[in-house]
Amino acid sequence: MAKQSLFRELIQFAMREKKWWLIPLLVILVLIGGLIIFAQSSAIAPFLYPFF
């Protein structure tokens, strides 16, 4: 739950301070993090090693 509130707080900061370039950066970081978590427990992991 704390991670969700941190992400929400970062999005609110970006919108409040007009830092629109931060939003795509945050989305990409979340997607890469999700890919890493997914790859740790799947059969696709050996194919993703060259990317990390």
PDB file of N, CA and C in Angstrom:
ATOM      1  N   MET A   1       0.821  -1.188   0.000  1.00  0.00           N
ATOM      2  CA  MET A   1       0.000   0.000   0.000  1.00  0.00           C
ATOM      3  C   MET A   1       0.870   1.258   0.000  1.00  0.00           C
ATOM      4  N   ALA A   2       1.995   1.201   0.670  1.00  0.00           N
ATOM      5  CA  ALA A   2       2.868   2.370   0.730  1.00  0.00           C
ATOM      6  C   ALA A   2       3.433   2.695  -0.650  1.00  0.00           C
ATOM      7  N   LYS A   3       3.690   1.665  -1.447  1.00  0.00           N
ATOM      8  CA  LYS A   3       4.222   1.899  -2.788  1.00  0.00           C
ATOM      9  C   LYS A   3       3.191   2.598  -3.670  1.00  0.00           C
ATOM     10  N   GLN A   4       1.939   2.242  -3.505  1.00  0.00           N
ATOM     11  CA  GLN A   4       0.895   2.885  -4.297  1.00  0.00           C
ATOM     12  C   GLN A   4       0.759   4.349  -3.915  1.00  0.00           C
ATOM     13  N   SER A   5       0.853   4.648  -2.642  1.00  0.00           N
ATOM     14  CA  SER A   5       0.722   6.038  -2.224  1.00  0.00           C
ATOM     15  C   SER A   5       1.936   6.845  -2.657  1.00  0.00           C
ATOM     16  N   LEU A   6       3.107   6.221  -2.690  1.00  0.00           N
ATOM     17  CA  LEU A   6       4.298   6.911  -3.171  1.00  0.00           C
ATOM     18  C   LEU A   6       4.152   7.252  -4.652  1.00  0.00           C
ATOM     19  N   PHE A   7       3.684   6.284  -5.442  1.00  0.00           N
ATOM     20  CA  PHE A   7       3.478   6.528  -6.871  1.00  0.00           C
ATOM     21  C   PHE A   7       2.428   7.618  -7.079  1.00  0.00           C
ATOM     22  N   ARG A   8       1.346   7.569  -6.318  1.00  0.00           N
ATOM     23  CA  ARG A   8       0.296   8.581  -6.421  1.00  0.00           C
ATOM     24  C   ARG A   8       0.839   9.957  -6.037  1.00  0.00           C
ATOM     25  N   GLU A   9       1.671  10.001  -5.022  1.00  0.00           N
ATOM     26  CA  GLU A   9       2.260  11.270  -4.593  1.00  0.00           C
ATOM     27  C   GLU A   9       3.195  11.833  -5.667  1.00  0.00           C
ATOM     28  N   LEU A  10       3.955  10.970  -6.329  1.00  0.00           N
ATOM     29  CA  LEU A  10       4.829  11.440  -7.405  1.00  0.00           C
ATOM     30  C   LEU A  10       4.031  11.997  -8.579  1.00  0.00           C
ATOM     31  N   ILE A  11       2.930  11.339  -8.912  1.00  0.00           N
ATOM     32  CA  ILE A  11       2.078  11.826  -9.996  1.00  0.00           C
ATOM     33  C   ILE A  11       1.468  13.175  -9.621  1.00  0.00           C
ATOM     34  N   GLN A  12       0.995  13.299  -8.388  1.00  0.00           N
ATOM     35  CA  GLN A  12       0.416  14.573  -7.946  1.00  0.00           C
ATOM     36  C   GLN A  12       1.466  15.685  -7.952  1.00  0.00           C
ATOM     37  N   PHE A  13       2.689  15.372  -7.547  1.00  0.00           N
ATOM     38  CA  PHE A  13       3.760  16.359  -7.579  1.00  0.00           C
ATOM     39  C   PHE A  13       4.022  16.819  -9.009  1.00  0.00           C
ATOM     40  N   ALA A  14       4.089  15.864  -9.937  1.00  0.00           N
ATOM     41  CA  ALA A  14       4.357  16.205 -11.335  1.00  0.00           C
ATOM     42  C   ALA A  14       3.254  17.092 -11.899  1.00  0.00           C
ATOM     43  N   MET A  15       2.027  16.829 -11.542  1.00  0.00           N
ATOM     44  CA  MET A  15       0.920  17.636 -12.048  1.00  0.00           C
ATOM     45  C   MET A  15       0.893  19.014 -11.393  1.00  0.00           C
ATOM     46  N   ARG A  16       1.153  19.065 -10.100  1.00  0.00           N
ATOM     47  CA  ARG A  16       1.116  20.330  -9.379  1.00  0.00           C
ATOM     48  C   ARG A  16       2.249  21.267  -9.810  1.00  0.00           C
ATOM     49  N   GLU A  17       3.437  20.720 -10.020  1.00  0.00           N
ATOM     50  CA  GLU A  17       4.605  21.529 -10.376  1.00  0.00           C
ATOM     51  C   GLU A  17       4.785  21.682 -11.893  1.00  0.00           C
ATOM     52  N   LYS A  18       3.843  21.158 -12.659  1.00  0.00           N
ATOM     53  CA  LYS A  18       3.878  21.227 -14.128  1.00  0.00           C
ATOM     54  C   LYS A  18       5.123  20.547 -14.708  1.00  0.00           C
ATOM     55  N   LYS A  19       5.500  19.458 -14.106  1.00  0.00           N
ATOM     56  CA  LYS A  19       6.635  18.663 -14.578  1.00  0.00           C
ATOM     57  C   LYS A  19       6.094  17.502 -15.417  1.00  0.00           C
ATOM     58  N   TRP A  20       5.521  17.821 -16.549  1.00  0.00           N
ATOM     59  CA  TRP A  20       4.852  16.813 -17.378  1.00  0.00           C
ATOM     60  C   TRP A  20       5.813  15.763 -17.903  1.00  0.00           C
ATOM     61  N   TRP A  21       7.083  16.091 -18.043  1.00  0.00           N
ATOM     62  CA  TRP A  21       8.055  15.134 -18.567  1.00  0.00           C
ATOM     63  C   TRP A  21       8.333  14.017 -17.568  1.00  0.00           C
ATOM     64  N   LEU A  22       7.970  14.200 -16.300  1.00  0.00           N
ATOM     65  CA  LEU A  22       8.187  13.156 -15.300  1.00  0.00           C
ATOM     66  C   LEU A  22       7.203  11.994 -15.429  1.00  0.00           C
ATOM     67  N   ILE A  23       6.010  12.271 -15.919  1.00  0.00           N
ATOM     68  CA  ILE A  23       4.975  11.231 -15.968  1.00  0.00           C
ATOM     69  C   ILE A  23       5.375  10.061 -16.880  1.00  0.00           C
ATOM     70  N   PRO A  24       5.828  10.289 -18.116  1.00  0.00           N
ATOM     71  CA  PRO A  24       6.257   9.134 -18.921  1.00  0.00           C
ATOM     72  C   PRO A  24       7.444   8.393 -18.314  1.00  0.00           C
ATOM     73  N   LEU A  25       8.339   9.132 -17.664  1.00  0.00           N
ATOM     74  CA  LEU A  25       9.480   8.513 -17.007  1.00  0.00           C
ATOM     75  C   LEU A  25       9.017   7.578 -15.892  1.00  0.00           C
ATOM     76  N   LEU A  26       8.073   8.031 -15.089  1.00  0.00           N
ATOM     77  CA  LEU A  26       7.551   7.204 -14.009  1.00  0.00           C
ATOM     78  C   LEU A  26       6.819   5.976 -14.539  1.00  0.00           C
ATOM     79  N   VAL A  27       6.060   6.147 -15.602  1.00  0.00           N
ATOM     80  CA  VAL A  27       5.330   5.016 -16.191  1.00  0.00           C
ATOM     81  C   VAL A  27       6.315   3.970 -16.714  1.00  0.00           C
ATOM     82  N   ILE A  28       7.365   4.409 -17.385  1.00  0.00           N
ATOM     83  CA  ILE A  28       8.363   3.476 -17.912  1.00  0.00           C
ATOM     84  C   ILE A  28       9.064   2.746 -16.773  1.00  0.00           C
ATOM     85  N   LEU A  29       9.401   3.461 -15.706  1.00  0.00           N
ATOM     86  CA  LEU A  29      10.048   2.812 -14.561  1.00  0.00           C
ATOM     87  C   LEU A  29       9.142   1.768 -13.923  1.00  0.00           C
ATOM     88  N   VAL A  30       7.856   2.058 -13.818  1.00  0.00           N
ATOM     89  CA  VAL A  30       6.913   1.085 -13.255  1.00  0.00           C
ATOM     90  C   VAL A  30       6.795  -0.133 -14.174  1.00  0.00           C
ATOM     91  N   LEU A  31       6.749   0.080 -15.471  1.00  0.00           N
ATOM     92  CA  LEU A  31       6.660  -1.042 -16.411  1.00  0.00           C
ATOM     93  C   LEU A  31       7.905  -1.921 -16.354  1.00  0.00           C
ATOM     94  N   ILE A  32       9.069  -1.318 -16.289  1.00  0.00           N
ATOM     95  CA  ILE A  32      10.304  -2.096 -16.194  1.00  0.00           C
ATOM     96  C   ILE A  32      10.352  -2.865 -14.881  1.00  0.00           C
ATOM     97  N   GLY A  33       9.925  -2.221 -13.797  1.00  0.00           N
ATOM     98  CA  GLY A  33       9.863  -2.911 -12.511  1.00  0.00           C
ATOM     99  C   GLY A  33       8.917  -4.098 -12.548  1.00  0.00           C
ATOM    100  N   GLY A  34       7.764  -3.915 -13.180  1.00  0.00           N
ATOM    101  CA  GLY A  34       6.814  -5.018 -13.315  1.00  0.00           C
ATOM    102  C   GLY A  34       7.367  -6.148 -14.160  1.00  0.00           C
ATOM    103  N   LEU A  35       8.095  -5.806 -15.206  1.00  0.00           N
ATOM    104  CA  LEU A  35       8.716  -6.825 -16.056  1.00  0.00           C
ATOM    105  C   LEU A  35       9.760  -7.614 -15.278  1.00  0.00           C
ATOM    106  N   ILE A  36      10.534  -6.941 -14.472  1.00  0.00           N
ATOM    107  CA  ILE A  36      11.544  -7.626 -13.666  1.00  0.00           C
ATOM    108  C   ILE A  36      10.889  -8.573 -12.672  1.00  0.00           C
ATOM    109  N   ILE A  37       9.841  -8.119 -12.016  1.00  0.00           N
ATOM    110  CA  ILE A  37       9.144  -8.968 -11.042  1.00  0.00           C
ATOM    111  C   ILE A  37       8.505 -10.160 -11.746  1.00  0.00           C
ATOM    112  N   PHE A  38       7.899  -9.922 -12.903  1.00  0.00           N
ATOM    113  CA  PHE A  38       7.271 -11.011 -13.661  1.00  0.00           C
ATOM    114  C   PHE A  38       8.319 -12.003 -14.155  1.00  0.00           C
ATOM    115  N   ALA A  39       9.463 -11.506 -14.584  1.00  0.00           N
ATOM    116  CA  ALA A  39      10.491 -12.368 -15.173  1.00  0.00           C
ATOM    117  C   ALA A  39      11.176 -13.245 -14.133  1.00  0.00           C
ATOM    118  N   GLN A  40      11.158 -12.853 -12.882  1.00  0.00           N
ATOM    119  CA  GLN A  40      11.819 -13.645 -11.858  1.00  0.00           C
ATOM    120  C   GLN A  40      11.151 -14.994 -11.649  1.00  0.00           C
ATOM    121  N   SER A  41       9.875 -15.066 -11.891  1.00  0.00           N
ATOM    122  CA  SER A  41       9.158 -16.303 -11.582  1.00  0.00           C
ATOM    123  C   SER A  41       8.549 -16.953 -12.820  1.00  0.00           C
ATOM    124  N   SER A  42       9.113 -16.699 -13.969  1.00  0.00           N
ATOM    125  CA  SER A  42       8.529 -17.297 -15.169  1.00  0.00           C
ATOM    126  C   SER A  42       9.602 -17.954 -16.034  1.00  0.00           C
ATOM    127  N   ALA A  43       9.154 -18.665 -17.033  1.00  0.00           N
ATOM    128  CA  ALA A  43      10.072 -19.339 -17.947  1.00  0.00           C
ATOM    129  C   ALA A  43      10.680 -18.383 -18.956  1.00  0.00           C
ATOM    130  N   ILE A  44      10.227 -17.154 -18.965  1.00  0.00           N
ATOM    131  CA  ILE A  44      10.738 -16.168 -19.913  1.00  0.00           C
ATOM    132  C   ILE A  44      12.041 -15.522 -19.422  1.00  0.00           C
ATOM    133  N   ALA A  45      12.411 -15.773 -18.169  1.00  0.00           N
ATOM    134  CA  ALA A  45      13.575 -15.147 -17.552  1.00  0.00           C
ATOM    135  C   ALA A  45      14.873 -15.302 -18.369  1.00  0.00           C
ATOM    136  N   PRO A  46      15.210 -16.494 -18.869  1.00  0.00           N
ATOM    137  CA  PRO A  46      16.479 -16.607 -19.618  1.00  0.00           C
ATOM    138  C   PRO A  46      16.534 -15.722 -20.873  1.00  0.00           C
ATOM    139  N   PHE A  47      15.399 -15.398 -21.432  1.00  0.00           N
ATOM    140  CA  PHE A  47      15.381 -14.569 -22.629  1.00  0.00           C
ATOM    141  C   PHE A  47      15.516 -13.090 -22.306  1.00  0.00           C
ATOM    142  N   LEU A  48      15.254 -12.716 -21.056  1.00  0.00           N
ATOM    143  CA  LEU A  48      15.332 -11.314 -20.659  1.00  0.00           C
ATOM    144  C   LEU A  48      16.686 -10.932 -20.075  1.00  0.00           C
ATOM    145  N   TYR A  49      17.552 -11.898 -19.751  1.00  0.00           N
ATOM    146  CA  TYR A  49      18.840 -11.584 -19.149  1.00  0.00           C
ATOM    147  C   TYR A  49      19.679 -10.626 -19.988  1.00  0.00           C
ATOM    148  N   PRO A  50      19.708 -10.736 -21.309  1.00  0.00           N
ATOM    149  CA  PRO A  50      20.539  -9.794 -22.083  1.00  0.00           C
ATOM    150  C   PRO A  50      20.100  -8.339 -21.958  1.00  0.00           C
ATOM    151  N   PHE A  51      18.865  -8.093 -21.568  1.00  0.00           N
ATOM    152  CA  PHE A  51      18.373  -6.721 -21.469  1.00  0.00           C
ATOM    153  C   PHE A  51      18.730  -6.056 -20.154  1.00  0.00           C
ATOM    154  N   PHE A  52      19.133  -6.840 -19.149  1.00  0.00           N
ATOM    155  CA  PHE A  52      19.429  -6.270 -17.837  1.00  0.00           C
ATOM    156  C   PHE A  52      20.849  -6.451 -17.544  1.00  0.00           C
TER     157      PHE A  52
END
